[in-house]
N, C-alpha and C. Protein backbone atom coordinates (compact mmCIF):
# COMPACT_ATOMS: atom_id res chain seq x y z
N MET A 1 -9.96 5.80 18.52
CA MET A 1 -8.67 6.46 18.32
C MET A 1 -8.95 7.85 17.75
N ASN A 2 -8.48 8.88 18.41
CA ASN A 2 -8.80 10.25 18.02
C ASN A 2 -7.68 10.93 17.23
N ALA A 3 -6.59 10.25 16.99
CA ALA A 3 -5.46 10.87 16.30
C ALA A 3 -5.64 10.87 14.78
N ARG A 4 -6.80 10.58 14.33
CA ARG A 4 -7.08 10.44 12.90
C ARG A 4 -7.10 11.78 12.19
N PRO A 5 -6.26 11.97 11.15
CA PRO A 5 -6.33 13.21 10.38
C PRO A 5 -7.47 13.11 9.38
N GLY A 6 -7.97 14.24 8.93
CA GLY A 6 -8.99 14.24 7.89
C GLY A 6 -10.34 13.78 8.40
N THR A 7 -11.18 13.43 7.47
CA THR A 7 -12.50 12.96 7.81
C THR A 7 -12.61 11.49 7.46
N ALA A 8 -13.75 10.89 7.75
CA ALA A 8 -13.94 9.48 7.47
C ALA A 8 -13.77 9.17 5.99
N SER A 9 -14.02 10.13 5.13
CA SER A 9 -13.84 9.90 3.70
C SER A 9 -12.41 10.19 3.26
N GLY A 10 -11.59 10.67 4.16
CA GLY A 10 -10.17 10.83 3.88
C GLY A 10 -9.77 12.23 3.46
N PRO A 11 -8.50 12.55 3.70
CA PRO A 11 -8.01 13.89 3.38
C PRO A 11 -7.87 14.11 1.88
N TRP A 12 -7.92 13.04 1.09
CA TRP A 12 -7.74 13.18 -0.35
C TRP A 12 -9.06 12.99 -1.09
N ALA A 13 -10.17 13.14 -0.38
CA ALA A 13 -11.47 12.82 -0.98
C ALA A 13 -11.78 13.65 -2.22
N ASP A 14 -11.31 14.88 -2.28
CA ASP A 14 -11.66 15.76 -3.40
C ASP A 14 -10.56 15.90 -4.44
N ARG A 15 -9.54 15.07 -4.36
CA ARG A 15 -8.47 15.18 -5.34
C ARG A 15 -7.78 13.83 -5.50
N ALA A 16 -7.16 13.66 -6.63
CA ALA A 16 -6.37 12.46 -6.85
C ALA A 16 -5.14 12.53 -5.96
N TYR A 17 -4.52 11.39 -5.70
CA TYR A 17 -3.34 11.33 -4.85
C TYR A 17 -2.22 12.16 -5.45
N LYS A 18 -1.81 13.21 -4.75
CA LYS A 18 -0.70 14.06 -5.15
C LYS A 18 0.01 14.50 -3.88
N PRO A 19 1.10 13.84 -3.53
CA PRO A 19 1.79 14.24 -2.31
C PRO A 19 2.36 15.65 -2.42
N HIS A 20 2.27 16.40 -1.36
CA HIS A 20 2.81 17.76 -1.32
C HIS A 20 4.09 17.71 -0.50
N LEU A 21 5.16 17.29 -1.15
CA LEU A 21 6.40 17.04 -0.44
C LEU A 21 7.56 17.79 -1.07
N SER A 22 8.43 18.28 -0.21
CA SER A 22 9.63 18.94 -0.69
C SER A 22 10.63 17.89 -1.15
N PRO A 23 11.14 17.99 -2.39
CA PRO A 23 12.10 16.99 -2.86
C PRO A 23 13.38 16.97 -2.03
N ALA A 24 13.67 18.04 -1.32
CA ALA A 24 14.91 18.12 -0.55
C ALA A 24 14.96 17.10 0.58
N TYR A 25 13.83 16.77 1.17
CA TYR A 25 13.84 15.77 2.24
C TYR A 25 12.67 14.81 2.12
N ARG A 26 12.52 14.34 0.91
CA ARG A 26 11.44 13.42 0.60
C ARG A 26 11.95 11.99 0.52
N VAL A 27 11.22 11.08 1.13
CA VAL A 27 11.44 9.66 0.96
C VAL A 27 10.38 9.21 -0.03
N HIS A 28 10.81 8.60 -1.14
CA HIS A 28 9.87 8.21 -2.20
C HIS A 28 10.23 6.83 -2.73
N THR A 29 9.23 5.96 -2.81
CA THR A 29 9.42 4.67 -3.48
C THR A 29 8.19 4.40 -4.34
N THR A 30 8.44 3.73 -5.46
CA THR A 30 7.36 3.24 -6.31
C THR A 30 7.67 1.80 -6.67
N ASN A 31 6.73 0.92 -6.42
CA ASN A 31 6.84 -0.47 -6.82
C ASN A 31 5.66 -0.77 -7.71
N SER A 32 5.88 -1.58 -8.75
CA SER A 32 4.75 -1.96 -9.60
C SER A 32 4.98 -3.35 -10.16
N ILE A 33 3.87 -3.97 -10.57
CA ILE A 33 3.91 -5.32 -11.12
C ILE A 33 2.71 -5.49 -12.03
N LEU A 34 2.84 -6.35 -13.01
CA LEU A 34 1.74 -6.67 -13.90
C LEU A 34 1.04 -7.92 -13.38
N ILE A 35 -0.27 -7.85 -13.18
CA ILE A 35 -1.04 -9.00 -12.69
C ILE A 35 -2.09 -9.33 -13.73
N ARG A 36 -2.16 -10.61 -14.08
CA ARG A 36 -3.15 -11.08 -15.06
C ARG A 36 -4.34 -11.66 -14.29
N ALA A 37 -5.22 -10.77 -13.91
CA ALA A 37 -6.46 -11.11 -13.19
C ALA A 37 -7.40 -9.93 -13.37
N PRO A 38 -8.68 -10.11 -13.11
CA PRO A 38 -9.62 -8.98 -13.25
C PRO A 38 -9.28 -7.84 -12.29
N ARG A 39 -9.35 -6.64 -12.81
CA ARG A 39 -9.02 -5.44 -12.03
C ARG A 39 -9.81 -5.38 -10.72
N GLU A 40 -11.11 -5.64 -10.77
CA GLU A 40 -11.93 -5.57 -9.55
C GLU A 40 -11.47 -6.58 -8.50
N GLU A 41 -11.09 -7.77 -8.94
CA GLU A 41 -10.61 -8.79 -8.00
C GLU A 41 -9.29 -8.35 -7.35
N ILE A 42 -8.41 -7.78 -8.16
CA ILE A 42 -7.13 -7.29 -7.63
C ILE A 42 -7.39 -6.17 -6.61
N PHE A 43 -8.23 -5.22 -7.00
CA PHE A 43 -8.56 -4.10 -6.12
C PHE A 43 -9.12 -4.59 -4.79
N GLU A 44 -10.10 -5.48 -4.84
CA GLU A 44 -10.74 -5.96 -3.61
C GLU A 44 -9.76 -6.75 -2.73
N THR A 45 -8.84 -7.47 -3.36
CA THR A 45 -7.82 -8.19 -2.59
C THR A 45 -6.89 -7.21 -1.89
N ALA A 46 -6.50 -6.17 -2.59
CA ALA A 46 -5.63 -5.15 -1.98
C ALA A 46 -6.35 -4.40 -0.86
N ALA A 47 -7.63 -4.15 -1.04
CA ALA A 47 -8.39 -3.38 -0.05
C ALA A 47 -8.72 -4.18 1.20
N ASP A 48 -8.79 -5.49 1.10
CA ASP A 48 -9.22 -6.35 2.23
C ASP A 48 -8.03 -6.74 3.10
N LEU A 49 -7.67 -5.87 4.02
CA LEU A 49 -6.51 -6.10 4.87
C LEU A 49 -6.64 -7.34 5.74
N SER A 50 -7.86 -7.73 6.07
CA SER A 50 -8.04 -8.90 6.94
C SER A 50 -7.48 -10.17 6.30
N GLN A 51 -7.38 -10.21 4.97
CA GLN A 51 -6.85 -11.39 4.27
C GLN A 51 -5.34 -11.36 4.08
N TRP A 52 -4.72 -10.21 4.28
CA TRP A 52 -3.30 -10.10 3.99
C TRP A 52 -2.42 -11.12 4.71
N PRO A 53 -2.57 -11.33 6.02
CA PRO A 53 -1.69 -12.33 6.66
C PRO A 53 -1.88 -13.75 6.11
N LYS A 54 -3.03 -14.04 5.51
CA LYS A 54 -3.29 -15.37 4.93
C LYS A 54 -2.62 -15.53 3.57
N ILE A 55 -2.50 -14.45 2.81
CA ILE A 55 -1.98 -14.56 1.44
C ILE A 55 -0.59 -13.94 1.28
N LEU A 56 -0.15 -13.17 2.26
CA LEU A 56 1.16 -12.51 2.21
C LEU A 56 2.00 -13.04 3.38
N PRO A 57 2.90 -13.98 3.14
CA PRO A 57 3.62 -14.63 4.24
C PRO A 57 4.48 -13.71 5.10
N HIS A 58 4.86 -12.55 4.60
CA HIS A 58 5.68 -11.64 5.38
C HIS A 58 4.84 -10.76 6.31
N TYR A 59 3.51 -10.80 6.21
CA TYR A 59 2.64 -10.06 7.12
C TYR A 59 2.31 -10.94 8.32
N ARG A 60 2.65 -10.46 9.53
CA ARG A 60 2.42 -11.22 10.75
C ARG A 60 0.99 -11.07 11.23
N PHE A 61 0.45 -9.83 11.19
CA PHE A 61 -0.94 -9.61 11.58
C PHE A 61 -1.40 -8.24 11.15
N ILE A 62 -2.72 -8.08 11.12
CA ILE A 62 -3.39 -6.79 10.95
C ILE A 62 -4.37 -6.68 12.11
N ARG A 63 -4.26 -5.63 12.88
CA ARG A 63 -5.18 -5.40 14.02
C ARG A 63 -5.99 -4.14 13.72
N TYR A 64 -7.31 -4.27 13.76
CA TYR A 64 -8.20 -3.15 13.48
C TYR A 64 -8.49 -2.35 14.75
N TYR A 65 -8.31 -1.02 14.67
CA TYR A 65 -8.74 -0.10 15.72
C TYR A 65 -10.09 0.51 15.35
N GLU A 66 -10.29 0.76 14.06
CA GLU A 66 -11.57 1.23 13.51
C GLU A 66 -11.78 0.45 12.22
N ARG A 67 -13.04 0.10 11.94
CA ARG A 67 -13.30 -0.70 10.75
C ARG A 67 -14.63 -0.32 10.12
N SER A 68 -14.60 -0.08 8.80
CA SER A 68 -15.82 0.16 8.03
C SER A 68 -15.52 -0.22 6.57
N PRO A 69 -16.53 -0.24 5.71
CA PRO A 69 -16.29 -0.63 4.32
C PRO A 69 -15.34 0.29 3.55
N GLU A 70 -15.25 1.57 3.95
CA GLU A 70 -14.42 2.52 3.19
C GLU A 70 -13.29 3.15 3.98
N HIS A 71 -13.22 2.88 5.27
CA HIS A 71 -12.21 3.54 6.10
C HIS A 71 -11.83 2.63 7.26
N ASN A 72 -10.53 2.50 7.48
CA ASN A 72 -10.03 1.68 8.59
C ASN A 72 -8.84 2.35 9.23
N VAL A 73 -8.65 2.07 10.51
CA VAL A 73 -7.41 2.41 11.20
C VAL A 73 -6.88 1.08 11.71
N VAL A 74 -5.64 0.77 11.34
CA VAL A 74 -5.08 -0.56 11.61
C VAL A 74 -3.64 -0.48 12.08
N LYS A 75 -3.26 -1.49 12.84
CA LYS A 75 -1.85 -1.74 13.11
C LYS A 75 -1.46 -2.86 12.17
N MET A 76 -0.43 -2.62 11.38
CA MET A 76 0.06 -3.60 10.42
C MET A 76 1.42 -4.08 10.90
N ALA A 77 1.65 -5.39 10.83
CA ALA A 77 2.93 -5.94 11.28
C ALA A 77 3.45 -6.91 10.22
N ALA A 78 4.69 -6.72 9.84
CA ALA A 78 5.32 -7.55 8.82
C ALA A 78 6.75 -7.87 9.26
N THR A 79 7.44 -8.62 8.43
CA THR A 79 8.87 -8.86 8.66
C THR A 79 9.62 -8.47 7.40
N ARG A 80 10.84 -8.03 7.62
CA ARG A 80 11.75 -7.73 6.51
C ARG A 80 13.00 -8.55 6.78
N SER A 81 13.15 -9.66 6.04
CA SER A 81 14.30 -10.56 6.23
C SER A 81 14.43 -10.98 7.69
N GLY A 82 13.32 -11.32 8.31
CA GLY A 82 13.32 -11.77 9.70
C GLY A 82 13.23 -10.66 10.73
N ILE A 83 13.32 -9.41 10.33
CA ILE A 83 13.25 -8.28 11.26
C ILE A 83 11.78 -7.89 11.41
N PRO A 84 11.21 -7.99 12.62
CA PRO A 84 9.80 -7.61 12.79
C PRO A 84 9.64 -6.10 12.81
N ILE A 85 8.66 -5.62 12.06
CA ILE A 85 8.34 -4.19 12.07
C ILE A 85 6.82 -4.05 12.13
N SER A 86 6.38 -2.90 12.61
CA SER A 86 4.94 -2.63 12.64
C SER A 86 4.71 -1.13 12.53
N TRP A 87 3.51 -0.76 12.12
CA TRP A 87 3.14 0.64 11.98
C TRP A 87 1.63 0.74 12.08
N VAL A 88 1.16 1.94 12.39
CA VAL A 88 -0.28 2.21 12.45
C VAL A 88 -0.63 3.08 11.27
N SER A 89 -1.66 2.67 10.54
CA SER A 89 -2.07 3.38 9.33
C SER A 89 -3.57 3.61 9.33
N GLU A 90 -3.93 4.66 8.64
CA GLU A 90 -5.32 4.92 8.32
C GLU A 90 -5.48 4.52 6.85
N GLN A 91 -6.54 3.80 6.53
CA GLN A 91 -6.78 3.31 5.17
C GLN A 91 -8.09 3.88 4.65
N TRP A 92 -8.07 4.32 3.38
CA TRP A 92 -9.30 4.74 2.68
C TRP A 92 -9.45 3.87 1.45
N ILE A 93 -10.62 3.36 1.24
CA ILE A 93 -10.93 2.54 0.07
C ILE A 93 -11.88 3.34 -0.80
N ASP A 94 -11.40 3.76 -1.97
CA ASP A 94 -12.19 4.59 -2.88
C ASP A 94 -12.53 3.76 -4.11
N ARG A 95 -13.69 3.12 -4.08
CA ARG A 95 -14.10 2.25 -5.18
C ARG A 95 -14.40 3.05 -6.45
N SER A 96 -14.89 4.28 -6.32
CA SER A 96 -15.20 5.08 -7.50
C SER A 96 -13.94 5.44 -8.30
N ARG A 97 -12.82 5.61 -7.62
CA ARG A 97 -11.55 5.92 -8.28
C ARG A 97 -10.65 4.70 -8.42
N CYS A 98 -11.09 3.59 -7.85
CA CYS A 98 -10.29 2.36 -7.83
C CYS A 98 -8.91 2.65 -7.23
N GLU A 99 -8.94 3.21 -6.01
CA GLU A 99 -7.70 3.51 -5.28
C GLU A 99 -7.83 3.03 -3.83
N VAL A 100 -6.73 2.55 -3.32
CA VAL A 100 -6.60 2.25 -1.90
C VAL A 100 -5.49 3.15 -1.41
N ARG A 101 -5.78 3.94 -0.36
CA ARG A 101 -4.80 4.90 0.15
C ARG A 101 -4.59 4.67 1.65
N PHE A 102 -3.40 5.03 2.08
CA PHE A 102 -3.04 4.91 3.48
C PHE A 102 -2.32 6.18 3.91
N ARG A 103 -2.38 6.47 5.19
CA ARG A 103 -1.51 7.47 5.81
C ARG A 103 -1.00 6.86 7.10
N HIS A 104 0.33 6.82 7.25
CA HIS A 104 0.92 6.30 8.47
C HIS A 104 0.74 7.33 9.59
N LEU A 105 0.35 6.85 10.76
CA LEU A 105 -0.02 7.74 11.86
C LEU A 105 1.02 7.87 12.96
N ARG A 106 1.99 6.98 13.03
CA ARG A 106 2.93 7.00 14.16
C ARG A 106 4.34 6.62 13.73
N ALA A 107 5.27 6.87 14.64
CA ALA A 107 6.67 6.44 14.57
C ALA A 107 7.44 7.11 13.43
N PHE A 108 8.50 6.44 12.93
CA PHE A 108 9.41 7.04 11.96
C PHE A 108 8.72 7.39 10.65
N THR A 109 7.68 6.65 10.29
CA THR A 109 7.00 6.89 9.02
C THR A 109 5.72 7.72 9.20
N LYS A 110 5.57 8.36 10.33
CA LYS A 110 4.38 9.20 10.56
C LYS A 110 4.25 10.21 9.42
N GLY A 111 3.05 10.28 8.84
CA GLY A 111 2.78 11.20 7.75
C GLY A 111 3.01 10.61 6.37
N MET A 112 3.56 9.40 6.29
CA MET A 112 3.78 8.79 4.98
C MET A 112 2.43 8.58 4.29
N GLU A 113 2.36 8.97 3.03
CA GLU A 113 1.17 8.77 2.21
C GLU A 113 1.45 7.64 1.23
N VAL A 114 0.50 6.73 1.12
CA VAL A 114 0.65 5.56 0.27
C VAL A 114 -0.55 5.47 -0.65
N ALA A 115 -0.32 5.21 -1.92
CA ALA A 115 -1.43 5.05 -2.87
C ALA A 115 -1.21 3.79 -3.68
N TRP A 116 -2.26 2.97 -3.75
CA TRP A 116 -2.29 1.81 -4.64
C TRP A 116 -3.07 2.23 -5.87
N ARG A 117 -2.50 1.95 -7.05
CA ARG A 117 -3.17 2.27 -8.31
C ARG A 117 -3.30 1.00 -9.14
N PHE A 118 -4.36 0.96 -9.94
CA PHE A 118 -4.69 -0.23 -10.73
C PHE A 118 -4.99 0.23 -12.15
N ASP A 119 -4.04 0.06 -13.07
CA ASP A 119 -4.17 0.57 -14.44
C ASP A 119 -4.27 -0.59 -15.42
N ASP A 120 -5.37 -0.62 -16.17
CA ASP A 120 -5.55 -1.64 -17.20
C ASP A 120 -4.54 -1.44 -18.32
N THR A 121 -3.95 -2.54 -18.78
CA THR A 121 -3.07 -2.55 -19.95
C THR A 121 -3.50 -3.72 -20.82
N PRO A 122 -3.05 -3.78 -22.06
CA PRO A 122 -3.41 -4.94 -22.90
C PRO A 122 -2.90 -6.27 -22.33
N GLU A 123 -1.82 -6.23 -21.55
CA GLU A 123 -1.23 -7.45 -20.99
C GLU A 123 -1.84 -7.87 -19.66
N GLY A 124 -2.54 -6.98 -18.98
CA GLY A 124 -3.09 -7.25 -17.65
C GLY A 124 -3.29 -5.95 -16.90
N VAL A 125 -3.23 -6.01 -15.60
CA VAL A 125 -3.41 -4.82 -14.77
C VAL A 125 -2.08 -4.45 -14.14
N ARG A 126 -1.63 -3.22 -14.36
CA ARG A 126 -0.41 -2.70 -13.74
C ARG A 126 -0.80 -2.18 -12.36
N VAL A 127 -0.31 -2.86 -11.33
CA VAL A 127 -0.59 -2.46 -9.96
C VAL A 127 0.65 -1.75 -9.43
N SER A 128 0.46 -0.53 -8.94
CA SER A 128 1.57 0.27 -8.42
C SER A 128 1.27 0.69 -6.98
N ILE A 129 2.32 0.68 -6.18
CA ILE A 129 2.25 1.20 -4.81
C ILE A 129 3.26 2.33 -4.73
N VAL A 130 2.77 3.54 -4.42
CA VAL A 130 3.62 4.72 -4.30
C VAL A 130 3.64 5.15 -2.83
N HIS A 131 4.83 5.28 -2.28
CA HIS A 131 5.02 5.75 -0.90
C HIS A 131 5.74 7.09 -0.94
N ASP A 132 5.23 8.08 -0.22
CA ASP A 132 5.89 9.38 -0.10
C ASP A 132 5.86 9.84 1.34
N LEU A 133 7.00 10.35 1.79
CA LEU A 133 7.13 10.85 3.16
C LEU A 133 8.03 12.06 3.17
N ASN A 134 7.56 13.14 3.77
CA ASN A 134 8.41 14.29 4.06
C ASN A 134 9.08 13.96 5.39
N PHE A 135 10.35 13.59 5.35
CA PHE A 135 11.00 13.20 6.59
C PHE A 135 11.15 14.41 7.49
N ARG A 136 10.85 14.24 8.77
CA ARG A 136 10.77 15.36 9.71
C ARG A 136 12.12 15.98 10.06
N ILE A 137 13.22 15.26 9.82
CA ILE A 137 14.55 15.79 10.13
C ILE A 137 15.30 15.90 8.80
N PRO A 138 15.28 17.09 8.18
CA PRO A 138 15.86 17.24 6.84
C PRO A 138 17.29 16.72 6.71
N ALA A 139 18.12 16.93 7.70
CA ALA A 139 19.52 16.51 7.60
C ALA A 139 19.66 14.99 7.49
N LEU A 140 18.69 14.25 8.01
CA LEU A 140 18.74 12.79 7.97
C LEU A 140 17.95 12.20 6.80
N ALA A 141 17.34 13.05 6.00
CA ALA A 141 16.48 12.56 4.90
C ALA A 141 17.20 11.63 3.92
N PRO A 142 18.44 11.94 3.49
CA PRO A 142 19.10 11.01 2.57
C PRO A 142 19.30 9.62 3.17
N LEU A 143 19.64 9.58 4.45
CA LEU A 143 19.80 8.29 5.14
C LEU A 143 18.43 7.61 5.28
N ALA A 144 17.41 8.37 5.63
CA ALA A 144 16.05 7.82 5.76
C ALA A 144 15.57 7.26 4.43
N ASP A 145 15.91 7.93 3.34
CA ASP A 145 15.49 7.46 2.02
C ASP A 145 16.09 6.08 1.73
N ARG A 146 17.36 5.90 2.07
CA ARG A 146 18.02 4.61 1.82
C ARG A 146 17.52 3.53 2.77
N ILE A 147 17.38 3.87 4.05
CA ILE A 147 16.99 2.85 5.04
C ILE A 147 15.49 2.62 5.04
N ILE A 148 14.71 3.66 5.29
CA ILE A 148 13.25 3.50 5.35
C ILE A 148 12.70 3.17 3.96
N GLY A 149 13.11 3.99 2.97
CA GLY A 149 12.58 3.80 1.62
C GLY A 149 13.08 2.55 0.94
N GLY A 150 14.39 2.38 0.88
CA GLY A 150 14.97 1.27 0.14
C GLY A 150 14.95 -0.06 0.85
N LEU A 151 15.47 -0.08 2.07
CA LEU A 151 15.59 -1.36 2.77
C LEU A 151 14.27 -1.89 3.32
N PHE A 152 13.38 -1.01 3.73
CA PHE A 152 12.15 -1.50 4.34
C PHE A 152 10.93 -1.32 3.44
N VAL A 153 10.54 -0.09 3.15
CA VAL A 153 9.31 0.16 2.39
C VAL A 153 9.36 -0.48 1.01
N GLY A 154 10.41 -0.19 0.26
CA GLY A 154 10.51 -0.73 -1.09
C GLY A 154 10.54 -2.25 -1.11
N HIS A 155 11.27 -2.84 -0.18
CA HIS A 155 11.36 -4.30 -0.10
C HIS A 155 10.01 -4.93 0.26
N ILE A 156 9.37 -4.41 1.29
CA ILE A 156 8.09 -4.99 1.72
C ILE A 156 7.01 -4.78 0.65
N ALA A 157 6.96 -3.61 0.04
CA ALA A 157 5.98 -3.36 -1.02
C ALA A 157 6.22 -4.28 -2.21
N GLY A 158 7.47 -4.47 -2.59
CA GLY A 158 7.78 -5.37 -3.69
C GLY A 158 7.36 -6.80 -3.39
N ARG A 159 7.64 -7.25 -2.19
CA ARG A 159 7.24 -8.61 -1.79
C ARG A 159 5.72 -8.73 -1.74
N THR A 160 5.05 -7.69 -1.26
CA THR A 160 3.58 -7.69 -1.21
C THR A 160 3.02 -7.88 -2.62
N LEU A 161 3.53 -7.12 -3.57
CA LEU A 161 3.04 -7.23 -4.95
C LEU A 161 3.33 -8.61 -5.54
N GLU A 162 4.53 -9.15 -5.31
CA GLU A 162 4.88 -10.47 -5.84
C GLU A 162 3.96 -11.55 -5.27
N CYS A 163 3.72 -11.50 -3.97
CA CYS A 163 2.86 -12.51 -3.33
C CYS A 163 1.40 -12.35 -3.77
N MET A 164 0.95 -11.11 -3.92
CA MET A 164 -0.41 -10.87 -4.38
C MET A 164 -0.58 -11.38 -5.81
N LYS A 165 0.42 -11.17 -6.65
CA LYS A 165 0.39 -11.67 -8.03
C LYS A 165 0.27 -13.19 -8.03
N ARG A 166 1.12 -13.86 -7.24
CA ARG A 166 1.05 -15.33 -7.18
C ARG A 166 -0.32 -15.81 -6.72
N HIS A 167 -0.86 -15.16 -5.69
CA HIS A 167 -2.18 -15.53 -5.17
C HIS A 167 -3.27 -15.33 -6.22
N LEU A 168 -3.28 -14.19 -6.87
CA LEU A 168 -4.34 -13.87 -7.82
C LEU A 168 -4.23 -14.63 -9.14
N GLU A 169 -3.03 -14.98 -9.53
CA GLU A 169 -2.85 -15.69 -10.80
C GLU A 169 -2.87 -17.20 -10.64
N ALA A 170 -2.87 -17.69 -9.40
CA ALA A 170 -2.88 -19.14 -9.16
C ALA A 170 -4.10 -19.77 -9.83
N GLY A 171 -3.84 -20.82 -10.61
CA GLY A 171 -4.93 -21.53 -11.26
C GLY A 171 -5.41 -20.91 -12.56
N ARG A 172 -4.91 -19.75 -12.91
CA ARG A 172 -5.29 -19.13 -14.19
C ARG A 172 -4.33 -19.60 -15.26
N THR A 173 -4.83 -19.74 -16.48
CA THR A 173 -3.96 -20.07 -17.60
C THR A 173 -3.63 -18.79 -18.34
N THR A 174 -2.61 -18.84 -19.16
CA THR A 174 -2.28 -17.65 -19.94
C THR A 174 -3.36 -17.44 -20.99
N GLY A 175 -3.54 -16.26 -21.35
CA GLY A 175 -4.58 -15.88 -22.31
C GLY A 175 -4.83 -14.40 -22.15
N SER A 176 -6.03 -13.98 -22.40
CA SER A 176 -6.33 -12.56 -22.27
C SER A 176 -6.31 -12.15 -20.81
N PRO A 177 -6.00 -10.86 -20.53
CA PRO A 177 -5.96 -10.39 -19.14
C PRO A 177 -7.28 -10.69 -18.46
N GLY A 178 -7.14 -11.26 -17.25
CA GLY A 178 -8.34 -11.54 -16.46
C GLY A 178 -9.05 -12.81 -16.87
N SER A 179 -8.46 -13.57 -17.81
CA SER A 179 -9.13 -14.79 -18.24
C SER A 179 -8.99 -15.89 -17.21
N THR A 180 -9.92 -16.79 -17.19
CA THR A 180 -9.88 -17.94 -16.30
C THR A 180 -10.14 -19.22 -17.10
N GLN A 181 -9.59 -19.30 -18.30
CA GLN A 181 -9.84 -20.40 -19.24
C GLN A 181 -9.75 -21.76 -18.59
């Protein structure tokens, strides 16, 4: 697939995730959840897209077009309340920064930048998914923010985090973050 922006190490290789978007026609969502599991385990689970359909019931499939340990191009397919949706994304896995990033390559969300962050807290790991898109038709941006951002992206990201939390915390007892007592 030649439509890939940036290099194999990604367009954000030399900087932290900072979307360059005009607030006037920006679609923005942030979802976060506290997970009581080791940060590295959470990170690796988020980075391993091949496991998502097994642990996230709303994901129908992940199809790889390009695959490597740090960079992938994939077609992702999920459902939102029974409505099937799919998109093509480029994924970068940055273990040194503990970030998983995506850029949507096609359709209505083309250009959307996504960043997964993993922040240690005394209670566990705060996992956040930030989606940003400069919508290509400024006049429709407020509608796109409500439909694309609220009804689809925010809902699917929230469900992804909830299911990942259940998967990662299954069998763990309460105690210190990341404990497996």
